[in-house]
């Protein structure tokens, strides 16, 4: 008798059935998938990343093939409970508190530090052979490399922004002696606020179009001690009109080319007073083609 529940669009069934005499039959050494168009059973290997308990599951894509349904609720609950116990983030004898962390730093922050805590839940010591990051802007460190059974540990990841903005995703690959060919992947997600937003960054006209002014909106992020000090254009034929919505924090720039009879380009330089030691200049673009 099988216990079922949904998983990634299929029906997932632990191969754990209750015998007629009430005893319990454990997991079988393989996993199977029942094809939706026929009753043929196909074998698939499902990697569990060397979990301390290695369950196998059945992926059933045809609901009809699951009949009859269980008639004793406690047996269904038992199958579901076993699956969720086995679904905890345990990889290569290490049980991780979190495999993924997300940060939303403030406008003045230059970096974030994420701490990935783990415990050796196996019966033998585990050595961490290697810790690597997906880019040079992220470093990872730990205090020791070998952990006895039951011993906790921590990997500290440091992501330096250094010009990065917006949504960022970094990875830390952890290889252990328990699974040297199956590294555990730790995910670091950081949403770095944009100091100065320019919308749109490009304004465009086509030759022969009606001459209609277009507006660019410039906004400094809240909490950032910066101001817009000037907006200049490198093409004197292009006319700029500035309207200050909030003093130093929000400006609307109206851009008007002299005519639309021939192609022209212009670059708008938007200067701020931050950071004080090296104020940033941002850019917007106008094109007539």
Protein backbone atom coordinates (compact mmCIF):
# COMPACT_ATOMS: atom_id res chain seq x y z
CA UNK A 1 0.00 0.00 0.00
CA UNK A 2 1.59 3.27 -1.15
CA UNK A 3 1.51 6.75 0.37
CA UNK A 4 1.52 9.60 -2.16
CA UNK A 5 2.12 13.36 -2.31
CA UNK A 6 3.08 15.96 -4.92
CA UNK A 7 6.71 16.80 -5.76
CA UNK A 8 7.99 18.82 -8.76
CA UNK A 9 4.87 18.23 -10.83
CA UNK A 10 4.89 14.45 -10.42
CA UNK A 11 3.53 12.17 -7.74
CA UNK A 12 6.21 11.14 -5.30
CA UNK A 13 5.79 7.88 -3.45
CA UNK A 14 8.26 6.53 -0.91
CA UNK A 15 8.76 2.82 -1.59
CA UNK A 16 7.67 2.00 1.93
CA UNK A 17 4.65 -0.24 2.19
CA UNK A 18 2.81 -1.67 5.15
CA UNK A 19 2.43 -5.43 5.15
CA UNK A 20 -0.93 -7.03 5.78
CA UNK A 21 0.25 -8.16 9.22
CA UNK A 22 0.98 -4.56 10.21
CA UNK A 23 4.79 -4.85 9.92
CA UNK A 24 6.72 -2.28 7.88
CA UNK A 25 8.73 -2.89 4.78
CA UNK A 26 11.71 -0.56 4.30
CA UNK A 27 12.93 1.32 1.23
CA UNK A 28 13.99 -0.68 -1.82
CA UNK A 29 17.42 -0.10 -3.40
CA UNK A 30 16.07 1.48 -6.61
CA UNK A 31 13.66 4.17 -7.73
CA UNK A 32 11.15 3.77 -10.53
CA UNK A 33 9.02 5.96 -12.81
CA UNK A 34 5.72 4.79 -14.26
CA UNK A 35 5.33 6.32 -17.72
CA UNK A 36 2.10 8.26 -18.32
CA UNK A 37 1.35 6.57 -21.65
CA UNK A 38 1.84 2.97 -20.57
CA UNK A 39 2.30 0.80 -17.53
CA UNK A 40 5.94 0.04 -18.26
CA UNK A 41 8.15 0.75 -15.21
CA UNK A 42 11.45 2.50 -15.94
CA UNK A 43 14.39 2.74 -13.58
CA UNK A 44 15.97 6.10 -12.78
CA UNK A 45 18.86 6.93 -10.50
CA UNK A 46 18.16 9.80 -8.12
CA UNK A 47 21.21 11.25 -6.39
CA UNK A 48 20.58 12.09 -2.74
CA UNK A 49 24.03 13.68 -2.26
CA UNK A 50 25.20 11.00 0.15
CA UNK A 51 22.55 11.71 2.78
CA UNK A 52 22.95 9.93 6.05
CA UNK A 53 19.71 8.10 5.23
CA UNK A 54 19.36 7.30 1.53
CA UNK A 55 15.68 6.88 0.67
CA UNK A 56 14.57 6.00 -2.81
CA UNK A 57 11.38 7.42 -4.24
CA UNK A 58 8.89 6.56 -6.94
CA UNK A 59 8.04 9.21 -9.50
CA UNK A 60 4.58 8.38 -10.83
CA UNK A 61 3.34 10.45 -13.74
CA UNK A 62 0.04 8.62 -14.14
CA UNK A 63 -2.45 9.02 -11.30
CA UNK A 64 -4.49 6.02 -12.41
CA UNK A 65 -1.54 3.69 -11.86
CA UNK A 66 -1.64 4.42 -8.12
CA UNK A 67 -4.96 2.68 -7.46
CA UNK A 68 -6.08 1.41 -5.04
CA UNK A 69 -5.63 4.28 -2.62
CA UNK A 70 -4.72 3.60 1.03
CA UNK A 71 -7.62 2.90 3.32
CA UNK A 72 -5.78 3.36 6.65
CA UNK A 73 -4.80 7.02 7.26
CA UNK A 74 -1.96 6.19 9.68
CA UNK A 75 -0.12 4.35 6.93
CA UNK A 76 -0.27 7.41 4.64
CA UNK A 77 0.97 9.61 7.47
CA UNK A 78 3.85 7.22 8.13
CA UNK A 79 5.04 7.39 4.51
CA UNK A 80 4.82 11.19 4.39
CA UNK A 81 6.63 11.54 7.73
CA UNK A 82 9.48 9.32 6.57
CA UNK A 83 9.95 11.40 3.43
CA UNK A 84 10.19 14.71 5.25
CA UNK A 85 12.62 13.32 7.82
CA UNK A 86 14.85 12.22 4.98
CA UNK A 87 14.42 15.52 3.11
CA UNK A 88 16.36 17.57 5.69
CA UNK A 89 19.50 19.23 4.25
CA UNK A 90 22.01 16.51 5.12
CA UNK A 91 24.86 16.13 2.63
CA UNK A 92 27.97 14.00 3.00
CA UNK A 93 27.31 13.45 6.74
CA UNK A 94 26.92 17.18 7.36
CA UNK A 95 23.53 18.56 8.37
CA UNK A 96 23.28 22.21 7.33
CA UNK A 97 21.22 24.80 9.18
CA UNK A 98 20.67 26.71 5.91
CA UNK A 99 21.91 26.02 2.40
CA UNK A 100 20.72 29.41 1.13
CA UNK A 101 20.84 32.90 2.62
CA UNK A 102 19.40 36.16 1.28
CA UNK A 103 20.48 39.71 2.19
CA UNK A 104 19.07 43.17 1.46
CA UNK A 105 21.91 45.55 2.40
CA UNK A 106 21.50 49.29 2.87
CA UNK A 107 22.77 51.92 0.42
CA UNK A 108 25.93 52.51 2.49
CA UNK A 109 26.89 48.85 2.91
CA UNK A 110 29.96 47.64 1.04
CA UNK A 111 29.78 43.93 1.86
CA UNK A 112 27.78 41.18 3.55
CA UNK A 113 28.88 38.24 5.70
CA UNK A 114 26.94 34.97 5.64
CA UNK A 115 27.52 32.18 8.17
CA UNK A 116 26.63 28.64 7.09
CA UNK A 117 26.39 26.41 10.17
CA UNK A 118 26.56 22.62 10.03
CA UNK A 119 26.85 19.54 12.27
CA UNK A 120 28.49 16.18 11.60
CA UNK A 121 25.54 13.81 12.12
CA UNK A 122 27.49 10.72 11.06
CA UNK A 123 29.28 8.15 13.19
CA UNK A 124 32.77 8.90 11.87
CA UNK A 125 34.93 12.05 11.61
CA UNK A 126 34.49 14.15 8.47
CA UNK A 127 37.17 16.29 6.84
CA UNK A 128 36.35 19.28 4.68
CA UNK A 129 38.74 18.89 1.79
CA UNK A 130 38.03 22.07 -0.15
CA UNK A 131 35.91 25.25 -0.04
CA UNK A 132 35.66 27.29 -3.23
CA UNK A 133 33.58 30.30 -4.30
CA UNK A 134 32.06 31.12 -7.66
CA UNK A 135 33.88 34.46 -8.03
CA UNK A 136 36.81 36.46 -6.72
CA UNK A 137 34.56 38.98 -4.97
CA UNK A 138 33.45 36.28 -2.49
CA UNK A 139 35.72 34.58 0.05
CA UNK A 140 34.94 31.68 2.38
CA UNK A 141 36.75 30.61 5.54
CA UNK A 142 36.38 28.08 8.37
CA UNK A 143 38.27 27.64 11.64
CA UNK A 144 39.15 23.96 11.23
CA UNK A 145 39.00 21.22 8.61
CA UNK A 146 38.05 18.05 10.54
CA UNK A 147 34.90 17.49 12.61
CA UNK A 148 34.15 14.61 14.99
CA UNK A 149 30.70 12.95 15.17
CA UNK A 150 28.21 15.41 16.65
CA UNK A 151 30.60 18.36 16.34
CA UNK A 152 29.25 21.62 14.87
CA UNK A 153 31.10 23.95 12.52
CA UNK A 154 30.67 27.08 10.45
CA UNK A 155 31.75 28.45 7.08
CA UNK A 156 31.88 32.24 6.87
CA UNK A 157 31.38 33.76 3.42
CA UNK A 158 32.23 37.41 2.73
CA UNK A 159 30.92 39.13 -0.42
CA UNK A 160 32.52 42.48 -1.30
CA UNK A 161 30.24 44.53 -3.56
CA UNK A 162 32.99 46.44 -5.41
CA UNK A 163 30.77 47.93 -8.10
CA UNK A 164 28.13 45.19 -8.17
CA UNK A 165 24.53 46.40 -8.10
CA UNK A 166 21.10 44.82 -8.25
CA UNK A 167 20.37 41.11 -7.81
CA UNK A 168 23.50 39.04 -7.17
CA UNK A 169 23.86 35.27 -6.66
CA UNK A 170 27.08 33.64 -5.44
CA UNK A 171 27.90 29.99 -4.78
CA UNK A 172 30.20 28.25 -2.29
CA UNK A 173 31.25 24.69 -3.17
CA UNK A 174 32.11 22.49 -0.16
CA UNK A 175 33.85 19.15 -0.72
CA UNK A 176 34.20 16.64 2.11
CA UNK A 177 35.94 13.32 2.67
CA UNK A 178 32.54 11.61 2.92
CA UNK A 179 31.63 12.59 -0.67
CA UNK A 180 34.73 13.87 -2.49
CA UNK A 181 32.98 13.84 -5.89
CA UNK A 182 29.71 15.44 -4.77
CA UNK A 183 30.31 18.95 -3.40
CA UNK A 184 27.60 20.64 -1.38
CA UNK A 185 26.42 23.94 -2.90
CA UNK A 186 25.77 26.89 -0.60
CA UNK A 187 23.88 29.79 -2.15
CA UNK A 188 24.31 33.47 -1.27
CA UNK A 189 21.74 35.94 -2.64
CA UNK A 190 22.23 39.69 -2.24
CA UNK A 191 19.98 42.45 -3.58
CA UNK A 192 22.25 45.49 -3.69
CA UNK A 193 20.37 48.80 -3.91
CA UNK A 194 21.11 51.06 -6.84
CA UNK A 195 22.54 54.35 -5.55
CA UNK A 196 21.26 56.47 -8.43
CA UNK A 197 18.36 55.34 -10.62
CA UNK A 198 18.10 56.77 -14.14
CA UNK A 199 14.86 56.03 -16.01
CA UNK A 200 15.10 55.65 -18.88
CA UNK A 201 18.82 55.51 -19.53
CA UNK A 202 18.21 55.87 -23.29
CA UNK A 203 15.84 58.22 -25.15
CA UNK A 204 15.51 57.83 -28.91
CA UNK A 205 13.97 59.46 -31.98
CA UNK A 206 13.87 58.41 -35.61
CA UNK A 207 14.80 60.69 -38.48
CA UNK A 208 11.66 62.40 -39.75
CA UNK A 209 9.72 61.94 -36.49
CA UNK A 210 7.75 64.77 -34.98
CA UNK A 211 9.97 66.74 -32.65
CA UNK A 212 8.68 65.81 -29.17
CA UNK A 213 10.75 66.39 -25.99
CA UNK A 214 11.47 63.31 -23.84
CA UNK A 215 12.03 63.15 -20.09
CA UNK A 216 14.66 61.33 -18.03
CA UNK A 217 14.05 60.91 -14.29
CA UNK A 218 17.06 60.77 -11.92
CA UNK A 219 16.56 59.62 -8.30
CA UNK A 220 19.07 59.14 -5.46
CA UNK A 221 18.29 56.13 -3.23
CA UNK A 222 16.75 56.89 0.16
CA UNK A 223 19.30 56.70 2.95
CA UNK A 224 22.25 57.49 0.70
CA UNK A 225 24.05 60.72 1.74
CA UNK A 226 24.43 61.84 -1.87
CA UNK A 227 23.13 64.67 -3.98
CA UNK A 228 22.92 65.35 -7.70
CA UNK A 229 25.16 68.34 -8.31
CA UNK A 230 24.98 68.75 -12.09
CA UNK A 231 23.62 67.35 -15.37
CA UNK A 232 25.53 68.24 -18.54
CA UNK A 233 25.34 67.18 -22.19
CA UNK A 234 28.27 66.79 -24.60
CA UNK A 235 26.29 67.99 -27.64
CA UNK A 236 25.48 71.71 -27.40
CA UNK A 237 22.77 71.37 -30.05
CA UNK A 238 20.72 69.19 -27.71
CA UNK A 239 18.64 71.23 -25.26
CA UNK A 240 18.28 70.21 -21.59
CA UNK A 241 15.68 71.51 -19.15
CA UNK A 242 16.06 70.51 -15.47
CA UNK A 243 13.23 70.41 -12.93
CA UNK A 244 14.23 69.63 -9.34
CA UNK A 245 11.50 67.50 -7.75
CA UNK A 246 13.37 67.02 -4.44
CA UNK A 247 16.42 69.14 -3.71
CA UNK A 248 19.50 67.16 -4.73
CA UNK A 249 17.59 63.86 -4.59
CA UNK A 250 15.27 63.80 -7.59
CA UNK A 251 15.57 65.61 -10.91
CA UNK A 252 13.58 65.44 -14.14
CA UNK A 253 15.56 66.24 -17.28
CA UNK A 254 13.72 67.14 -20.50
CA UNK A 255 15.80 66.38 -23.61
CA UNK A 256 15.06 68.01 -26.96
CA UNK A 257 17.19 67.64 -30.13
CA UNK A 258 17.35 70.68 -32.46
CA UNK A 259 15.41 68.84 -35.18
CA UNK A 260 14.84 65.34 -36.54
CA UNK A 261 16.22 65.88 -40.02
CA UNK A 262 19.51 63.99 -39.50
CA UNK A 263 21.07 61.48 -37.04
CA UNK A 264 22.55 62.86 -33.83
CA UNK A 265 23.89 61.49 -30.53
CA UNK A 266 24.34 62.98 -27.08
CA UNK A 267 25.66 61.78 -23.72
CA UNK A 268 24.31 63.22 -20.48
CA UNK A 269 26.79 63.29 -17.57
CA UNK A 270 25.10 63.20 -14.16
CA UNK A 271 27.49 64.12 -11.36
CA UNK A 272 26.93 63.37 -7.69
CA UNK A 273 28.88 64.37 -4.57
CA UNK A 274 29.24 60.79 -3.24
CA UNK A 275 31.45 59.20 -2.14
CA UNK A 276 33.31 62.30 -0.99
CA UNK A 277 36.76 60.94 -1.80
CA UNK A 278 35.80 60.01 -5.37
CA UNK A 279 32.37 61.32 -6.46
CA UNK A 280 30.59 59.16 -9.00
CA UNK A 281 29.38 60.25 -12.43
CA UNK A 282 26.43 58.48 -14.01
CA UNK A 283 25.34 58.59 -17.64
CA UNK A 284 22.23 58.73 -19.83
CA UNK A 285 22.06 58.72 -23.62
CA UNK A 286 20.04 60.43 -26.36
CA UNK A 287 20.03 59.21 -29.94
CA UNK A 288 18.37 60.27 -33.16
CA UNK A 289 18.77 57.74 -35.96
